[in-house]
Amino acid sequence: MNNKIKGLSLLAVATVLPSTIVLADAVTNTISNIVTWISTVGGALAVLAIVIAGVMMVASQDNADNVKNARDIIKWAMIGLVIILMANALANIVNSLVAK
């Protein structure tokens, strides 16, 4: 009786394991696509914010408040870019560990 249970367990694992590996690849690819999309959109928005802040700084006509606001926008856009790059690197590290 004990050998029959072991045999059925082995059969169940052998049946489920290949489909689990295929599912894991699909999930990994989906997460990779989502991270790529978010990184692209977020990076483009951060670069756009930096360009707009640069135009604000040039057009400020030596108004200290406008220059400070433009510098703050540039600072936060750069912080956002660093976070996006770190998140992308972390996702790639996790993906390489899981995909083994």
N, C-alpha and C. Protein backbone atom coordinates (compact mmCIF):
# COMPACT_ATOMS: atom_id res chain seq x y z
N MET A 1 0.82 -1.19 0.00
CA MET A 1 0.00 0.00 0.00
C MET A 1 0.88 1.27 0.00
N ASN A 2 1.93 1.24 0.80
CA ASN A 2 2.82 2.39 0.91
C ASN A 2 3.54 2.64 -0.41
N ASN A 3 3.92 1.58 -1.12
CA ASN A 3 4.59 1.73 -2.41
C ASN A 3 3.65 2.29 -3.47
N LYS A 4 2.36 1.94 -3.40
CA LYS A 4 1.39 2.48 -4.35
C LYS A 4 1.22 3.98 -4.16
N ILE A 5 1.22 4.42 -2.92
CA ILE A 5 1.09 5.86 -2.63
C ILE A 5 2.32 6.60 -3.15
N LYS A 6 3.51 6.03 -2.92
CA LYS A 6 4.74 6.66 -3.43
C LYS A 6 4.73 6.73 -4.95
N GLY A 7 4.26 5.65 -5.59
CA GLY A 7 4.20 5.63 -7.05
C GLY A 7 3.23 6.66 -7.59
N LEU A 8 2.06 6.77 -6.94
CA LEU A 8 1.08 7.77 -7.37
C LEU A 8 1.60 9.18 -7.14
N SER A 9 2.31 9.40 -6.04
CA SER A 9 2.88 10.73 -5.78
C SER A 9 3.91 11.08 -6.84
N LEU A 10 4.77 10.12 -7.18
CA LEU A 10 5.78 10.37 -8.21
C LEU A 10 5.13 10.66 -9.56
N LEU A 11 4.07 9.93 -9.87
CA LEU A 11 3.34 10.16 -11.12
C LEU A 11 2.71 11.55 -11.13
N ALA A 12 2.13 11.96 -9.99
CA ALA A 12 1.51 13.29 -9.90
C ALA A 12 2.55 14.39 -10.07
N VAL A 13 3.71 14.22 -9.44
CA VAL A 13 4.76 15.23 -9.56
C VAL A 13 5.29 15.27 -10.99
N ALA A 14 5.47 14.13 -11.61
CA ALA A 14 5.97 14.08 -12.98
C ALA A 14 4.97 14.68 -13.96
N THR A 15 3.69 14.62 -13.64
CA THR A 15 2.67 15.18 -14.51
C THR A 15 2.55 16.69 -14.33
N VAL A 16 2.65 17.16 -13.11
CA VAL A 16 2.43 18.58 -12.81
C VAL A 16 3.68 19.42 -13.05
N LEU A 17 4.86 18.87 -12.86
CA LEU A 17 6.09 19.64 -12.94
C LEU A 17 6.33 20.31 -14.29
N PRO A 18 6.18 19.62 -15.42
CA PRO A 18 6.41 20.31 -16.70
C PRO A 18 5.45 21.49 -16.93
N SER A 19 4.20 21.34 -16.54
CA SER A 19 3.26 22.45 -16.72
C SER A 19 3.59 23.60 -15.79
N THR A 20 4.14 23.30 -14.62
CA THR A 20 4.55 24.35 -13.69
C THR A 20 5.74 25.12 -14.25
N ILE A 21 6.67 24.42 -14.88
CA ILE A 21 7.83 25.09 -15.48
C ILE A 21 7.39 26.01 -16.61
N VAL A 22 6.46 25.56 -17.44
CA VAL A 22 5.94 26.40 -18.53
C VAL A 22 5.22 27.61 -17.96
N LEU A 23 4.43 27.41 -16.89
CA LEU A 23 3.72 28.52 -16.25
C LEU A 23 4.71 29.51 -15.65
N ALA A 24 5.78 29.02 -15.03
CA ALA A 24 6.79 29.90 -14.45
C ALA A 24 7.46 30.74 -15.53
N ASP A 25 7.74 30.15 -16.69
CA ASP A 25 8.33 30.92 -17.79
C ASP A 25 7.38 32.01 -18.27
N ALA A 26 6.10 31.69 -18.35
CA ALA A 26 5.11 32.68 -18.78
C ALA A 26 5.01 33.82 -17.78
N VAL A 27 5.01 33.48 -16.50
CA VAL A 27 4.94 34.52 -15.47
C VAL A 27 6.20 35.38 -15.49
N THR A 28 7.36 34.76 -15.64
CA THR A 28 8.61 35.51 -15.70
C THR A 28 8.64 36.45 -16.90
N ASN A 29 8.18 35.98 -18.05
CA ASN A 29 8.14 36.84 -19.24
C ASN A 29 7.15 37.98 -19.06
N THR A 30 6.02 37.71 -18.45
CA THR A 30 5.02 38.76 -18.23
C THR A 30 5.56 39.83 -17.29
N ILE A 31 6.19 39.41 -16.21
CA ILE A 31 6.76 40.37 -15.27
C ILE A 31 7.87 41.18 -15.95
N SER A 32 8.68 40.54 -16.75
CA SER A 32 9.74 41.25 -17.47
C SER A 32 9.16 42.29 -18.43
N ASN A 33 8.08 41.93 -19.12
CA ASN A 33 7.43 42.88 -20.02
C ASN A 33 6.83 44.06 -19.26
N ILE A 34 6.23 43.80 -18.11
CA ILE A 34 5.64 44.88 -17.31
C ILE A 34 6.73 45.81 -16.80
N VAL A 35 7.83 45.26 -16.30
CA VAL A 35 8.93 46.09 -15.79
C VAL A 35 9.52 46.93 -16.92
N THR A 36 9.67 46.35 -18.09
CA THR A 36 10.21 47.10 -19.23
C THR A 36 9.28 48.24 -19.61
N TRP A 37 7.98 47.98 -19.64
CA TRP A 37 7.01 49.00 -20.01
C TRP A 37 7.01 50.14 -18.99
N ILE A 38 6.97 49.79 -17.70
CA ILE A 38 6.93 50.82 -16.66
C ILE A 38 8.23 51.62 -16.67
N SER A 39 9.37 50.96 -16.88
CA SER A 39 10.64 51.67 -16.93
C SER A 39 10.69 52.64 -18.10
N THR A 40 10.18 52.22 -19.24
CA THR A 40 10.19 53.07 -20.42
C THR A 40 9.30 54.30 -20.22
N VAL A 41 8.09 54.07 -19.75
CA VAL A 41 7.16 55.19 -19.54
C VAL A 41 7.67 56.12 -18.44
N GLY A 42 8.11 55.54 -17.32
CA GLY A 42 8.61 56.36 -16.22
C GLY A 42 9.85 57.15 -16.60
N GLY A 43 10.76 56.52 -17.33
CA GLY A 43 11.96 57.23 -17.78
C GLY A 43 11.64 58.37 -18.73
N ALA A 44 10.70 58.12 -19.64
CA ALA A 44 10.30 59.17 -20.58
C ALA A 44 9.65 60.34 -19.84
N LEU A 45 8.81 60.04 -18.86
CA LEU A 45 8.18 61.11 -18.08
C LEU A 45 9.20 61.89 -17.27
N ALA A 46 10.19 61.21 -16.71
CA ALA A 46 11.22 61.90 -15.93
C ALA A 46 12.06 62.81 -16.83
N VAL A 47 12.42 62.32 -18.01
CA VAL A 47 13.19 63.15 -18.94
C VAL A 47 12.36 64.35 -19.40
N LEU A 48 11.08 64.13 -19.65
CA LEU A 48 10.19 65.23 -20.03
C LEU A 48 10.10 66.27 -18.90
N ALA A 49 10.03 65.81 -17.65
CA ALA A 49 9.98 66.73 -16.52
C ALA A 49 11.27 67.55 -16.43
N ILE A 50 12.40 66.92 -16.70
CA ILE A 50 13.68 67.64 -16.66
C ILE A 50 13.74 68.69 -17.77
N VAL A 51 13.24 68.35 -18.95
CA VAL A 51 13.23 69.32 -20.06
C VAL A 51 12.31 70.49 -19.73
N ILE A 52 11.14 70.20 -19.20
CA ILE A 52 10.20 71.27 -18.83
C ILE A 52 10.79 72.15 -17.75
N ALA A 53 11.45 71.55 -16.75
CA ALA A 53 12.08 72.34 -15.70
C ALA A 53 13.21 73.19 -16.25
N GLY A 54 13.94 72.67 -17.23
CA GLY A 54 14.99 73.47 -17.86
C GLY A 54 14.42 74.69 -18.58
N VAL A 55 13.32 74.49 -19.28
CA VAL A 55 12.66 75.61 -19.95
C VAL A 55 12.14 76.61 -18.92
N MET A 56 11.59 76.09 -17.82
CA MET A 56 11.12 76.98 -16.74
C MET A 56 12.28 77.81 -16.18
N MET A 57 13.44 77.17 -16.03
CA MET A 57 14.59 77.86 -15.47
C MET A 57 15.09 78.96 -16.41
N VAL A 58 15.12 78.65 -17.71
CA VAL A 58 15.57 79.65 -18.68
C VAL A 58 14.58 80.80 -18.78
N ALA A 59 13.30 80.49 -18.70
CA ALA A 59 12.27 81.51 -18.85
C ALA A 59 11.92 82.21 -17.53
N SER A 60 12.65 81.93 -16.47
CA SER A 60 12.28 82.48 -15.16
C SER A 60 12.58 83.97 -15.03
N GLN A 61 13.42 84.49 -15.88
CA GLN A 61 13.79 85.91 -15.87
C GLN A 61 14.32 86.33 -14.50
N ASP A 62 15.20 85.51 -13.96
CA ASP A 62 15.87 85.77 -12.68
C ASP A 62 14.92 85.87 -11.50
N ASN A 63 13.75 85.23 -11.60
CA ASN A 63 12.84 85.16 -10.48
C ASN A 63 13.29 83.98 -9.61
N ALA A 64 13.65 84.24 -8.38
CA ALA A 64 14.24 83.23 -7.50
C ALA A 64 13.26 82.09 -7.20
N ASP A 65 11.98 82.41 -7.09
CA ASP A 65 10.99 81.35 -6.80
C ASP A 65 10.85 80.38 -7.97
N ASN A 66 10.83 80.92 -9.19
CA ASN A 66 10.71 80.05 -10.36
C ASN A 66 11.95 79.17 -10.53
N VAL A 67 13.12 79.73 -10.26
CA VAL A 67 14.36 78.96 -10.36
C VAL A 67 14.36 77.85 -9.31
N LYS A 68 13.90 78.15 -8.09
CA LYS A 68 13.85 77.14 -7.03
C LYS A 68 12.87 76.04 -7.40
N ASN A 69 11.71 76.41 -7.94
CA ASN A 69 10.74 75.39 -8.36
C ASN A 69 11.30 74.50 -9.47
N ALA A 70 12.00 75.09 -10.41
CA ALA A 70 12.60 74.32 -11.50
C ALA A 70 13.68 73.38 -10.97
N ARG A 71 14.49 73.86 -10.02
CA ARG A 71 15.52 72.99 -9.42
C ARG A 71 14.88 71.84 -8.65
N ASP A 72 13.79 72.11 -7.94
CA ASP A 72 13.09 71.04 -7.22
C ASP A 72 12.54 69.99 -8.19
N ILE A 73 11.99 70.45 -9.30
CA ILE A 73 11.46 69.51 -10.30
C ILE A 73 12.59 68.64 -10.85
N ILE A 74 13.73 69.26 -11.15
CA ILE A 74 14.87 68.50 -11.66
C ILE A 74 15.36 67.50 -10.61
N LYS A 75 15.43 67.94 -9.35
CA LYS A 75 15.89 67.05 -8.28
C LYS A 75 14.99 65.83 -8.16
N TRP A 76 13.67 66.05 -8.13
CA TRP A 76 12.75 64.92 -7.95
C TRP A 76 12.68 64.04 -9.19
N ALA A 77 12.86 64.63 -10.36
CA ALA A 77 12.89 63.82 -11.58
C ALA A 77 14.14 62.93 -11.60
N MET A 78 15.26 63.45 -11.14
CA MET A 78 16.48 62.65 -11.07
C MET A 78 16.34 61.53 -10.04
N ILE A 79 15.72 61.83 -8.91
CA ILE A 79 15.47 60.79 -7.90
C ILE A 79 14.56 59.71 -8.49
N GLY A 80 13.56 60.13 -9.25
CA GLY A 80 12.67 59.17 -9.90
C GLY A 80 13.41 58.30 -10.90
N LEU A 81 14.32 58.88 -11.67
CA LEU A 81 15.12 58.10 -12.61
C LEU A 81 16.00 57.08 -11.90
N VAL A 82 16.59 57.47 -10.78
CA VAL A 82 17.42 56.54 -10.02
C VAL A 82 16.58 55.40 -9.48
N ILE A 83 15.38 55.69 -8.99
CA ILE A 83 14.49 54.64 -8.48
C ILE A 83 14.08 53.70 -9.61
N ILE A 84 13.78 54.25 -10.77
CA ILE A 84 13.41 53.41 -11.92
C ILE A 84 14.56 52.49 -12.31
N LEU A 85 15.77 53.03 -12.35
CA LEU A 85 16.94 52.22 -12.71
C LEU A 85 17.21 51.14 -11.67
N MET A 86 17.06 51.49 -10.39
CA MET A 86 17.27 50.49 -9.33
C MET A 86 16.20 49.40 -9.38
N ALA A 87 14.97 49.79 -9.64
CA ALA A 87 13.89 48.80 -9.73
C ALA A 87 14.11 47.86 -10.92
N ASN A 88 14.56 48.42 -12.02
CA ASN A 88 14.85 47.60 -13.20
C ASN A 88 16.00 46.63 -12.92
N ALA A 89 17.04 47.10 -12.24
CA ALA A 89 18.17 46.23 -11.90
C ALA A 89 17.73 45.14 -10.92
N LEU A 90 16.91 45.50 -9.94
CA LEU A 90 16.42 44.51 -8.98
C LEU A 90 15.55 43.46 -9.66
N ALA A 91 14.72 43.89 -10.58
CA ALA A 91 13.88 42.94 -11.32
C ALA A 91 14.72 41.99 -12.15
N ASN A 92 15.79 42.50 -12.76
CA ASN A 92 16.68 41.63 -13.54
C ASN A 92 17.43 40.64 -12.65
N ILE A 93 17.84 41.07 -11.46
CA ILE A 93 18.52 40.16 -10.54
C ILE A 93 17.57 39.05 -10.09
N VAL A 94 16.35 39.44 -9.70
CA VAL A 94 15.38 38.43 -9.27
C VAL A 94 15.03 37.50 -10.42
N ASN A 95 14.89 38.04 -11.61
CA ASN A 95 14.58 37.22 -12.78
C ASN A 95 15.70 36.21 -13.06
N SER A 96 16.95 36.64 -12.91
CA SER A 96 18.05 35.71 -13.15
C SER A 96 18.12 34.63 -12.08
N LEU A 97 17.73 34.96 -10.85
CA LEU A 97 17.73 33.96 -9.79
C LEU A 97 16.60 32.96 -9.96
N VAL A 98 15.43 33.45 -10.39
CA VAL A 98 14.26 32.58 -10.54
C VAL A 98 14.36 31.74 -11.79
N ALA A 99 14.92 32.29 -12.86
CA ALA A 99 14.96 31.60 -14.15
C ALA A 99 15.96 30.45 -14.17
N LYS A 100 16.81 30.32 -13.17
CA LYS A 100 17.77 29.22 -13.15
C LYS A 100 17.02 27.96 -12.98
